[in-house]
C-alpha atoms as a PDB file:
ATOM      1  CA  MET A   1       0.013   0.070   0.061  1.00  0.00           C
ATOM      2  CA  ARG A   2       1.540   3.349  -1.013  1.00  0.00           C
ATOM      3  CA  ARG A   3       1.479   6.183   2.145  1.00  0.00           C
ATOM      4  CA  ASP A   4      -1.100   8.824   1.475  1.00  0.00           C
ATOM      5  CA  PRO A   5       0.058  12.145   2.801  1.00  0.00           C
ATOM      6  CA  ASP A   6      -3.198  13.847   2.692  1.00  0.00           C
ATOM      7  CA  LEU A   7      -4.605  10.866   5.034  1.00  0.00           C
ATOM      8  CA  ILE A   8      -2.152  11.180   7.385  1.00  0.00           C
ATOM      9  CA  ARG A   9      -2.750  14.733   7.830  1.00  0.00           C
ATOM     10  CA  LYS A  10      -6.809  14.112   8.210  1.00  0.00           C
ATOM     11  CA  LEU A  11      -5.963  11.304  10.671  1.00  0.00           C
ATOM     12  CA  MET A  12      -3.622  13.698  12.807  1.00  0.00           C
ATOM     13  CA  LEU A  13      -6.389  16.299  12.673  1.00  0.00           C
ATOM     14  CA  ARG A  14      -8.922  13.796  13.758  1.00  0.00           C
ATOM     15  CA  LEU A  15      -6.706  12.624  16.695  1.00  0.00           C
ATOM     16  CA  GLU A  16      -6.369  16.301  17.568  1.00  0.00           C
ATOM     17  CA  GLU A  17     -10.017  16.862  18.082  1.00  0.00           C
ATOM     18  CA  LEU A  18     -10.747  13.664  20.632  1.00  0.00           C
ATOM     19  CA  PRO A  19     -11.558  14.397  23.871  1.00  0.00           C
ATOM     20  CA  ILE A  20      -9.411  12.610  26.206  1.00  0.00           C
ATOM     21  CA  ARG A  21      -9.340  13.148  29.786  1.00  0.00           C
ATOM     22  CA  ARG A  22      -6.125  13.634  31.445  1.00  0.00           C
ATOM     23  CA  GLY A  23      -4.233  10.363  31.338  1.00  0.00           C
ATOM     24  CA  GLY A  24      -6.495   8.963  29.596  1.00  0.00           C
ATOM     25  CA  VAL A  25      -5.881   6.576  26.555  1.00  0.00           C
ATOM     26  CA  VAL A  26      -8.534   6.287  23.162  1.00  0.00           C
ATOM     27  CA  SER A  27      -8.280   3.009  21.488  1.00  0.00           C
ATOM     28  CA  ILE A  28      -8.572   4.046  17.534  1.00  0.00           C
ATOM     29  CA  VAL A  29     -10.154   1.209  15.455  1.00  0.00           C
ATOM     30  CA  PRO A  30     -10.495   1.746  11.648  1.00  0.00           C
ATOM     31  CA  ASP A  31     -13.524  -0.110  10.817  1.00  0.00           C
ATOM     32  CA  ASP A  32     -15.410   1.783  13.585  1.00  0.00           C
ATOM     33  CA  GLU A  33     -17.986   4.013  12.315  1.00  0.00           C
ATOM     34  CA  THR A  34     -16.729   6.985  14.076  1.00  0.00           C
ATOM     35  CA  GLU A  35     -13.445   6.904  13.124  1.00  0.00           C
ATOM     36  CA  ILE A  36     -13.816   6.669   9.358  1.00  0.00           C
ATOM     37  CA  VAL A  37     -12.454   9.042   7.150  1.00  0.00           C
ATOM     38  CA  GLU A  38     -14.553   9.756   4.161  1.00  0.00           C
ATOM     39  CA  GLY A  39     -13.118   8.358   1.373  1.00  0.00           C
ATOM     40  CA  TYR A  40     -10.862   5.685   2.571  1.00  0.00           C
ATOM     41  CA  THR A  41     -10.966   2.198   3.384  1.00  0.00           C
ATOM     42  CA  PRO A  42     -10.799   0.688   6.875  1.00  0.00           C
ATOM     43  CA  ALA A  43      -7.579  -1.053   5.563  1.00  0.00           C
ATOM     44  CA  GLU A  44      -6.007   2.757   4.405  1.00  0.00           C
ATOM     45  CA  ILE A  45      -7.064   4.012   7.605  1.00  0.00           C
ATOM     46  CA  GLU A  46      -5.160   1.195   9.959  1.00  0.00           C
ATOM     47  CA  TYR A  47      -2.340   1.313   7.552  1.00  0.00           C
ATOM     48  CA  HIS A  48      -1.999   4.816   7.898  1.00  0.00           C
ATOM     49  CA  LEU A  49      -2.676   5.054  11.749  1.00  0.00           C
ATOM     50  CA  ARG A  50       0.258   2.454  12.081  1.00  0.00           C
ATOM     51  CA  GLN A  51       2.355   4.845   9.910  1.00  0.00           C
ATOM     52  CA  ILE A  52       1.652   7.616  12.420  1.00  0.00           C
ATOM     53  CA  ASP A  53       2.474   5.523  15.353  1.00  0.00           C
ATOM     54  CA  MET A  54       5.442   4.241  13.859  1.00  0.00           C
ATOM     55  CA  ALA A  55       7.059   8.008  13.090  1.00  0.00           C
ATOM     56  CA  GLY A  56       7.064   8.756  16.486  1.00  0.00           C
ATOM     57  CA  PHE A  57       4.039  11.051  16.407  1.00  0.00           C
ATOM     58  CA  ILE A  58       2.233   9.747  18.979  1.00  0.00           C
ATOM     59  CA  ILE A  59       2.143   7.959  22.290  1.00  0.00           C
ATOM     60  CA  GLY A  60      -0.299   5.580  22.983  1.00  0.00           C
ATOM     61  CA  ASP A  61      -0.375   2.265  25.388  1.00  0.00           C
ATOM     62  CA  ARG A  62       1.434  -0.504  23.728  1.00  0.00           C
ATOM     63  CA  ASP A  63       0.308  -3.302  25.778  1.00  0.00           C
ATOM     64  CA  GLY A  64      -3.150  -2.028  25.440  1.00  0.00           C
ATOM     65  CA  ARG A  65      -3.343  -1.933  21.794  1.00  0.00           C
ATOM     66  CA  PRO A  66      -6.530  -2.683  19.950  1.00  0.00           C
ATOM     67  CA  ALA A  67      -6.531  -5.164  17.245  1.00  0.00           C
ATOM     68  CA  GLY A  68      -6.275  -3.557  13.792  1.00  0.00           C
ATOM     69  CA  GLY A  69      -5.829  -0.038  15.444  1.00  0.00           C
ATOM     70  CA  ILE A  70      -3.742   1.917  17.546  1.00  0.00           C
ATOM     71  CA  SER A  71      -4.183   3.428  21.034  1.00  0.00           C
ATOM     72  CA  PHE A  72      -3.768   7.140  21.478  1.00  0.00           C
ATOM     73  CA  ARG A  73      -2.883   9.366  24.694  1.00  0.00           C
ATOM     74  CA  GLU A  74      -1.036  12.059  23.152  1.00  0.00           C
ATOM     75  CA  PHE A  75       1.211  13.440  20.509  1.00  0.00           C
ATOM     76  CA  THR A  76       4.894  13.488  20.810  1.00  0.00           C
ATOM     77  CA  PRO A  77       6.699  16.676  20.227  1.00  0.00           C
ATOM     78  CA  ALA A  78       7.423  15.644  16.550  1.00  0.00           C
ATOM     79  CA  GLY A  79       3.741  14.793  16.293  1.00  0.00           C
ATOM     80  CA  HIS A  80       2.999  18.422  17.396  1.00  0.00           C
ATOM     81  CA  ASP A  81       5.526  19.814  14.990  1.00  0.00           C
ATOM     82  CA  PHE A  82       4.232  18.031  12.199  1.00  0.00           C
ATOM     83  CA  LEU A  83       0.356  19.113  12.932  1.00  0.00           C
ATOM     84  CA  ASP A  84       1.374  22.586  13.704  1.00  0.00           C
ATOM     85  CA  ALA A  85       3.641  22.882  10.341  1.00  0.00           C
ATOM     86  CA  VAL A  86       0.908  21.045   7.953  1.00  0.00           C
ATOM     87  CA  ARG A  87      -2.618  22.709   9.835  1.00  0.00           C
ATOM     88  CA  THR A  88      -3.551  25.316   7.157  1.00  0.00           C
ATOM     89  CA  PRO A  89      -4.781  24.026   3.717  1.00  0.00           C
ATOM     90  CA  GLU A  90      -2.623  27.000   2.404  1.00  0.00           C
ATOM     91  CA  THR A  91       0.598  25.417   3.821  1.00  0.00           C
ATOM     92  CA  TRP A  92      -0.375  22.275   3.106  1.00  0.00           C
ATOM     93  CA  ALA A  93      -1.079  22.651  -0.749  1.00  0.00           C
ATOM     94  CA  LYS A  94       2.371  24.298  -0.977  1.00  0.00           C
ATOM     95  CA  THR A  95       3.989  21.699   1.038  1.00  0.00           C
ATOM     96  CA  LYS A  96       2.523  18.853  -1.009  1.00  0.00           C
ATOM     97  CA  THR A  97       3.901  21.066  -4.341  1.00  0.00           C
ATOM     98  CA  ALA A  98       7.154  21.276  -2.816  1.00  0.00           C
ATOM     99  CA  ALA A  99       7.597  17.438  -2.106  1.00  0.00           C
ATOM    100  CA  SER A 100       6.153  16.784  -5.393  1.00  0.00           C
ATOM    101  CA  ARG A 101       8.887  19.013  -6.835  1.00  0.00           C
ATOM    102  CA  ALA A 102      11.392  16.959  -5.006  1.00  0.00           C
ATOM    103  CA  GLY A 103       9.986  13.775  -6.512  1.00  0.00           C
ATOM    104  CA  GLY A 104       9.036  12.159  -3.356  1.00  0.00           C
ATOM    105  CA  PHE A 105       8.573  12.597   0.528  1.00  0.00           C
ATOM    106  CA  THR A 106       8.964  11.163   3.945  1.00  0.00           C
ATOM    107  CA  LEU A 107       7.119  12.511   6.677  1.00  0.00           C
ATOM    108  CA  GLU A 108      10.128  14.632   8.014  1.00  0.00           C
ATOM    109  CA  ILE A 109      10.653  16.020   4.479  1.00  0.00           C
ATOM    110  CA  LEU A 110       7.206  17.017   4.608  1.00  0.00           C
ATOM    111  CA  LYS A 111       7.409  18.673   7.825  1.00  0.00           C
ATOM    112  CA  ASP A 112      10.348  20.271   7.058  1.00  0.00           C
ATOM    113  CA  ALA A 113       9.111  21.730   4.006  1.00  0.00           C
ATOM    114  CA  ALA A 114       6.058  23.100   5.834  1.00  0.00           C
ATOM    115  CA  LYS A 115       8.103  24.612   8.391  1.00  0.00           C
ATOM    116  CA  ALA A 116      10.524  26.234   5.621  1.00  0.00           C
ATOM    117  CA  ILE A 117       7.227  27.577   3.981  1.00  0.00           C
ATOM    118  CA  ALA A 118       5.885  28.959   7.440  1.00  0.00           C
ATOM    119  CA  ARG A 119       9.420  30.654   7.996  1.00  0.00           C
ATOM    120  CA  GLY A 120       8.965  32.173   4.434  1.00  0.00           C
ATOM    121  CA  GLU A 121       5.337  33.946   5.323  1.00  0.00           C
ATOM    122  CA  LEU A 122       7.052  34.916   8.404  1.00  0.00           C
ATOM    123  CA  HIS A 123       9.764  36.701   6.889  1.00  0.00           C
ATOM    124  CA  LYS A 124       7.453  38.204   4.257  1.00  0.00           C
ATOM    125  CA  LEU A 125       5.527  39.661   7.671  1.00  0.00           C
ATOM    126  CA  GLY A 126       8.942  41.213   8.284  1.00  0.00           C
ATOM    127  CA  LEU A 127       9.439  38.626  11.376  1.00  0.00           C
ATOM    128  CA  ALA A 128      12.474  37.142   9.802  1.00  0.00           C
ATOM    129  CA  LEU A 129      13.526  34.271  12.408  1.00  0.00           C
END
């Protein structure tokens, strides 16, 4: 299965919206009607949830991992950085364009490209870093 950066972004945004009590953990199962991202199959969602987990973007409960899904407690700093870098649709579109010009992507490249685009926007505002 090919990795789909749009699905990864959508899933990360969905994870961010989950109401998790302090110290709580949520089990995410891709065939649960409430967790489906429109236009994607449960198999695609499961694969991409695991990619998010393996990329080190989230912290869950390894012992309490549901079959065919993930457990989610919180984002790691890398997960927050990725999500903050690709949050706006405008930055995300520019990021995907930059990655396609480079001939491919990794999650790290996407995050770095989005951060560079954000830095460019700050520079245009006279807030160079």
